[in-house]
N, C-alpha and C. Protein backbone atom coordinates (compact mmCIF):
# COMPACT_ATOMS: atom_id res chain seq x y z
N MET A 1 -127.27 -93.50 343.00
CA MET A 1 -128.06 -92.69 342.09
C MET A 1 -129.16 -93.56 341.49
N ASP A 2 -130.39 -93.08 341.57
CA ASP A 2 -131.54 -93.82 341.04
C ASP A 2 -131.55 -93.78 339.52
N LYS A 3 -132.25 -94.75 338.92
CA LYS A 3 -132.37 -94.77 337.47
C LYS A 3 -133.16 -93.57 336.97
N SER A 4 -134.11 -93.10 337.78
CA SER A 4 -134.93 -91.95 337.36
C SER A 4 -134.14 -90.66 337.32
N LYS A 5 -133.02 -90.59 338.05
CA LYS A 5 -132.23 -89.36 338.10
C LYS A 5 -131.22 -89.26 336.97
N ARG A 6 -130.98 -90.36 336.23
CA ARG A 6 -130.01 -90.32 335.14
C ARG A 6 -130.65 -90.81 333.83
N PRO A 7 -131.52 -90.00 333.27
CA PRO A 7 -132.25 -90.46 332.07
C PRO A 7 -131.42 -90.50 330.79
N PHE A 8 -130.34 -89.74 330.73
CA PHE A 8 -129.61 -89.63 329.46
C PHE A 8 -128.30 -90.40 329.42
N LEU A 9 -128.04 -91.21 330.42
CA LEU A 9 -126.80 -91.99 330.43
C LEU A 9 -127.01 -93.28 329.64
N LYS A 10 -126.10 -93.58 328.76
CA LYS A 10 -126.19 -94.81 327.98
C LYS A 10 -125.63 -95.97 328.78
N SER A 11 -126.15 -97.13 328.49
CA SER A 11 -125.60 -98.32 329.14
C SER A 11 -124.27 -98.65 328.50
N LYS A 12 -123.41 -99.26 329.26
CA LYS A 12 -122.06 -99.53 328.76
C LYS A 12 -121.93 -100.96 328.27
N ARG A 13 -122.95 -101.43 327.55
CA ARG A 13 -122.89 -102.76 326.96
C ARG A 13 -121.96 -102.76 325.76
N SER A 14 -121.18 -103.77 325.65
CA SER A 14 -120.34 -103.88 324.47
C SER A 14 -121.10 -104.68 323.42
N PHE A 15 -120.93 -104.34 322.19
CA PHE A 15 -121.58 -105.07 321.11
C PHE A 15 -120.55 -105.46 320.07
N ARG A 16 -120.85 -106.56 319.42
CA ARG A 16 -119.94 -107.08 318.41
C ARG A 16 -120.36 -106.55 317.05
N ARG A 17 -119.45 -105.93 316.37
CA ARG A 17 -119.75 -105.37 315.07
C ARG A 17 -119.86 -106.49 314.04
N ARG A 18 -120.95 -106.49 313.30
CA ARG A 18 -121.15 -107.54 312.30
C ARG A 18 -120.27 -107.29 311.08
N LEU A 19 -119.85 -108.37 310.50
CA LEU A 19 -119.04 -108.26 309.29
C LEU A 19 -119.94 -107.90 308.11
N PRO A 20 -119.44 -107.13 307.16
CA PRO A 20 -120.26 -106.80 306.00
C PRO A 20 -120.53 -108.06 305.17
N PRO A 21 -121.75 -108.17 304.60
CA PRO A 21 -122.10 -109.38 303.85
C PRO A 21 -121.32 -109.54 302.55
N ILE A 22 -120.84 -108.43 301.98
CA ILE A 22 -120.06 -108.51 300.75
C ILE A 22 -118.64 -108.06 301.06
N GLN A 23 -117.69 -108.93 300.82
CA GLN A 23 -116.30 -108.60 301.06
C GLN A 23 -115.76 -107.75 299.90
N SER A 24 -114.61 -107.16 300.09
CA SER A 24 -114.05 -106.29 299.06
C SER A 24 -113.67 -107.07 297.80
N GLY A 25 -113.33 -108.35 297.94
CA GLY A 25 -112.92 -109.16 296.80
C GLY A 25 -114.09 -109.74 296.01
N ASP A 26 -115.29 -109.74 296.60
CA ASP A 26 -116.46 -110.31 295.92
C ASP A 26 -116.89 -109.42 294.77
N ARG A 27 -117.17 -110.06 293.65
CA ARG A 27 -117.63 -109.30 292.48
C ARG A 27 -119.14 -109.51 292.33
N ILE A 28 -119.87 -108.42 292.27
CA ILE A 28 -121.32 -108.51 292.13
C ILE A 28 -121.63 -108.67 290.66
N ASP A 29 -122.04 -109.90 290.29
CA ASP A 29 -122.28 -110.23 288.90
C ASP A 29 -123.43 -111.23 288.84
N TYR A 30 -124.15 -111.26 287.74
CA TYR A 30 -125.29 -112.17 287.61
C TYR A 30 -124.85 -113.64 287.58
N ARG A 31 -123.59 -113.91 287.28
CA ARG A 31 -123.09 -115.28 287.23
C ARG A 31 -122.65 -115.80 288.59
N ASN A 32 -122.47 -114.91 289.55
CA ASN A 32 -122.03 -115.28 290.89
C ASN A 32 -123.25 -115.70 291.72
N MET A 33 -123.72 -116.93 291.50
CA MET A 33 -124.96 -117.39 292.11
C MET A 33 -124.85 -117.58 293.62
N SER A 34 -123.68 -117.95 294.10
CA SER A 34 -123.52 -118.14 295.55
C SER A 34 -123.69 -116.81 296.29
N LEU A 35 -123.26 -115.72 295.68
CA LEU A 35 -123.42 -114.41 296.29
C LEU A 35 -124.86 -113.92 296.16
N ILE A 36 -125.43 -114.06 294.99
CA ILE A 36 -126.79 -113.55 294.73
C ILE A 36 -127.83 -114.28 295.58
N SER A 37 -127.66 -115.57 295.75
CA SER A 37 -128.68 -116.36 296.47
C SER A 37 -128.79 -115.97 297.95
N ARG A 38 -127.78 -115.32 298.50
CA ARG A 38 -127.85 -114.87 299.89
C ARG A 38 -128.81 -113.70 300.08
N PHE A 39 -129.14 -113.00 299.00
CA PHE A 39 -129.96 -111.79 299.09
C PHE A 39 -131.36 -111.99 298.55
N ILE A 40 -131.79 -113.25 298.45
CA ILE A 40 -133.13 -113.57 297.97
C ILE A 40 -133.84 -114.36 299.06
N SER A 41 -135.12 -114.03 299.29
CA SER A 41 -135.89 -114.75 300.30
C SER A 41 -136.29 -116.13 299.78
N GLU A 42 -136.94 -116.91 300.65
CA GLU A 42 -137.39 -118.25 300.27
C GLU A 42 -138.44 -118.19 299.17
N GLN A 43 -139.19 -117.09 299.14
CA GLN A 43 -140.24 -116.94 298.13
C GLN A 43 -139.70 -116.41 296.81
N GLY A 44 -138.43 -116.05 296.77
CA GLY A 44 -137.82 -115.55 295.55
C GLY A 44 -137.80 -114.04 295.46
N LYS A 45 -138.12 -113.35 296.55
CA LYS A 45 -138.13 -111.89 296.55
C LYS A 45 -136.75 -111.36 296.91
N ILE A 46 -136.45 -110.17 296.40
CA ILE A 46 -135.19 -109.51 296.73
C ILE A 46 -135.35 -108.90 298.12
N LEU A 47 -134.42 -109.21 299.02
CA LEU A 47 -134.49 -108.68 300.37
C LEU A 47 -134.11 -107.21 300.39
N SER A 48 -134.64 -106.49 301.37
CA SER A 48 -134.41 -105.05 301.45
C SER A 48 -132.98 -104.75 301.90
N ARG A 49 -132.60 -103.53 301.70
CA ARG A 49 -131.25 -103.09 302.03
C ARG A 49 -131.01 -103.13 303.53
N ARG A 50 -132.03 -102.83 304.30
CA ARG A 50 -131.90 -102.85 305.76
C ARG A 50 -131.65 -104.27 306.28
N VAL A 51 -132.32 -105.24 305.67
CA VAL A 51 -132.15 -106.64 306.07
C VAL A 51 -130.77 -107.13 305.63
N ASN A 52 -130.35 -106.75 304.43
CA ASN A 52 -129.08 -107.21 303.87
C ASN A 52 -127.86 -106.53 304.47
N ARG A 53 -128.05 -105.36 305.10
CA ARG A 53 -126.95 -104.54 305.62
C ARG A 53 -125.97 -104.16 304.50
N LEU A 54 -126.51 -103.68 303.38
CA LEU A 54 -125.69 -103.28 302.25
C LEU A 54 -125.71 -101.76 302.11
N THR A 55 -124.72 -101.25 301.39
CA THR A 55 -124.75 -99.84 301.04
C THR A 55 -125.72 -99.66 299.88
N LEU A 56 -126.06 -98.42 299.60
CA LEU A 56 -127.00 -98.14 298.52
C LEU A 56 -126.46 -98.61 297.17
N LYS A 57 -125.20 -98.38 296.94
CA LYS A 57 -124.59 -98.79 295.67
C LYS A 57 -124.56 -100.31 295.54
N GLN A 58 -124.23 -101.00 296.63
CA GLN A 58 -124.20 -102.45 296.60
C GLN A 58 -125.59 -103.03 296.36
N GLN A 59 -126.61 -102.43 297.01
CA GLN A 59 -127.97 -102.92 296.84
C GLN A 59 -128.44 -102.75 295.40
N ARG A 60 -128.10 -101.63 294.77
CA ARG A 60 -128.47 -101.42 293.37
C ARG A 60 -127.81 -102.46 292.48
N LEU A 61 -126.52 -102.72 292.71
CA LEU A 61 -125.80 -103.70 291.90
C LEU A 61 -126.36 -105.11 292.09
N ILE A 62 -126.70 -105.45 293.33
CA ILE A 62 -127.31 -106.77 293.61
C ILE A 62 -128.65 -106.89 292.91
N THR A 63 -129.47 -105.84 292.97
CA THR A 63 -130.79 -105.87 292.33
C THR A 63 -130.66 -106.06 290.83
N ILE A 64 -129.74 -105.35 290.21
CA ILE A 64 -129.53 -105.47 288.76
C ILE A 64 -129.04 -106.88 288.42
N ALA A 65 -128.13 -107.42 289.24
CA ALA A 65 -127.60 -108.77 288.99
C ALA A 65 -128.69 -109.82 289.12
N ILE A 66 -129.58 -109.66 290.12
CA ILE A 66 -130.68 -110.62 290.30
C ILE A 66 -131.64 -110.56 289.12
N LYS A 67 -131.96 -109.35 288.67
CA LYS A 67 -132.88 -109.20 287.54
C LYS A 67 -132.28 -109.78 286.26
N GLN A 68 -130.98 -109.58 286.05
CA GLN A 68 -130.33 -110.16 284.87
C GLN A 68 -130.34 -111.68 284.94
N ALA A 69 -130.09 -112.23 286.13
CA ALA A 69 -130.09 -113.68 286.29
C ALA A 69 -131.48 -114.25 286.06
N ARG A 70 -132.52 -113.52 286.46
CA ARG A 70 -133.89 -113.98 286.22
C ARG A 70 -134.22 -113.98 284.74
N ILE A 71 -133.80 -112.93 284.05
CA ILE A 71 -134.08 -112.84 282.60
C ILE A 71 -133.37 -113.94 281.84
N LEU A 72 -132.16 -114.26 282.25
CA LEU A 72 -131.39 -115.33 281.60
C LEU A 72 -131.76 -116.71 282.13
N SER A 73 -132.81 -116.77 282.94
CA SER A 73 -133.36 -117.98 283.55
C SER A 73 -132.33 -118.75 284.38
N LEU A 74 -131.41 -118.03 285.00
CA LEU A 74 -130.52 -118.64 285.98
C LEU A 74 -131.20 -118.72 287.34
N LEU A 75 -132.16 -117.81 287.56
CA LEU A 75 -132.96 -117.78 288.79
C LEU A 75 -134.43 -117.78 288.40
N PRO A 76 -135.29 -118.39 289.20
CA PRO A 76 -136.73 -118.31 288.91
C PRO A 76 -137.28 -116.95 289.35
N PHE A 77 -138.34 -116.51 288.69
CA PHE A 77 -138.99 -115.27 289.10
C PHE A 77 -139.73 -115.49 290.41
N LEU A 78 -140.35 -116.65 290.56
CA LEU A 78 -141.07 -116.99 291.78
C LEU A 78 -140.64 -118.38 292.22
N ASN A 79 -140.71 -118.59 293.52
CA ASN A 79 -140.48 -119.94 294.04
C ASN A 79 -141.85 -120.54 294.28
N ASN A 80 -142.29 -121.43 293.41
CA ASN A 80 -143.66 -121.94 293.43
C ASN A 80 -143.88 -123.13 294.34
N GLU A 81 -142.88 -123.56 295.08
CA GLU A 81 -143.03 -124.74 295.92
C GLU A 81 -144.11 -124.55 296.97
N LYS A 82 -144.14 -123.40 297.63
CA LYS A 82 -145.12 -123.17 298.69
C LYS A 82 -146.53 -123.07 298.11
N GLN A 83 -146.68 -122.43 296.95
CA GLN A 83 -147.99 -122.29 296.34
C GLN A 83 -148.52 -123.67 295.94
N PHE A 84 -147.64 -124.54 295.48
CA PHE A 84 -148.04 -125.88 295.06
C PHE A 84 -148.53 -126.68 296.27
N GLU A 85 -147.84 -126.56 297.40
CA GLU A 85 -148.24 -127.28 298.60
C GLU A 85 -149.60 -126.81 299.09
N LYS A 86 -149.84 -125.50 299.05
CA LYS A 86 -151.12 -124.97 299.51
C LYS A 86 -152.26 -125.45 298.63
N SER A 87 -152.08 -125.42 297.31
CA SER A 87 -153.16 -125.82 296.42
C SER A 87 -153.44 -127.32 296.53
N GLU A 88 -152.43 -128.08 296.90
CA GLU A 88 -152.60 -129.52 297.07
C GLU A 88 -153.40 -129.83 298.33
N LEU A 89 -153.23 -129.01 299.36
CA LEU A 89 -153.88 -129.26 300.63
C LEU A 89 -155.34 -128.79 300.67
N THR A 90 -155.65 -127.74 299.94
CA THR A 90 -157.01 -127.21 300.00
C THR A 90 -157.92 -128.02 299.09
N VAL A 91 -158.96 -128.54 299.67
CA VAL A 91 -159.93 -129.33 298.92
C VAL A 91 -161.29 -128.67 299.11
N ARG A 92 -161.94 -128.36 298.03
CA ARG A 92 -163.25 -127.72 298.11
C ARG A 92 -164.33 -128.78 298.13
N THR A 93 -165.26 -128.56 299.00
CA THR A 93 -166.39 -129.49 299.05
C THR A 93 -167.63 -128.78 298.53
N THR A 94 -168.30 -129.41 297.63
CA THR A 94 -169.55 -128.86 297.10
C THR A 94 -170.66 -129.81 297.45
N GLY A 95 -171.52 -129.36 298.28
CA GLY A 95 -172.62 -130.21 298.69
C GLY A 95 -173.60 -129.39 299.51
N LEU A 96 -174.80 -129.90 299.63
CA LEU A 96 -175.82 -129.20 300.39
C LEU A 96 -175.79 -129.68 301.84
N ARG A 97 -175.97 -128.75 302.70
CA ARG A 97 -176.04 -129.10 304.12
C ARG A 97 -177.45 -129.59 304.44
N THR A 98 -177.53 -130.60 305.19
CA THR A 98 -178.85 -131.11 305.58
C THR A 98 -179.11 -130.76 307.03
N ARG A 99 -180.32 -130.43 307.31
CA ARG A 99 -180.68 -130.08 308.67
C ARG A 99 -181.07 -131.33 309.44
N MET A 100 -180.60 -131.38 310.64
CA MET A 100 -180.96 -132.48 311.53
C MET A 100 -182.19 -132.07 312.33
N LYS A 101 -183.30 -132.86 312.29
CA LYS A 101 -184.51 -132.51 313.04
C LYS A 101 -184.67 -133.36 314.24
């Protein structure tokens, strides 16, 4: 049977189901920094629910915990390391161009 004749048949690949990122025993709290830090990007942004593979309720609780930790200065609002490196590397030159004749 050609591939063109069976358009609606699924392939029989097996896939491994990923484990949920938050276990049943984990408590979502602003003090649980090891848990919270897994859901923040390198720039300090909260990762989306699709990337985190969380349920809607878990994502809301994580977001609230991250915001509380930021307010209590347990977490920075921004990770300024990359911005500092960029500003250090860029050097502005002010000068007039001369024409070569």
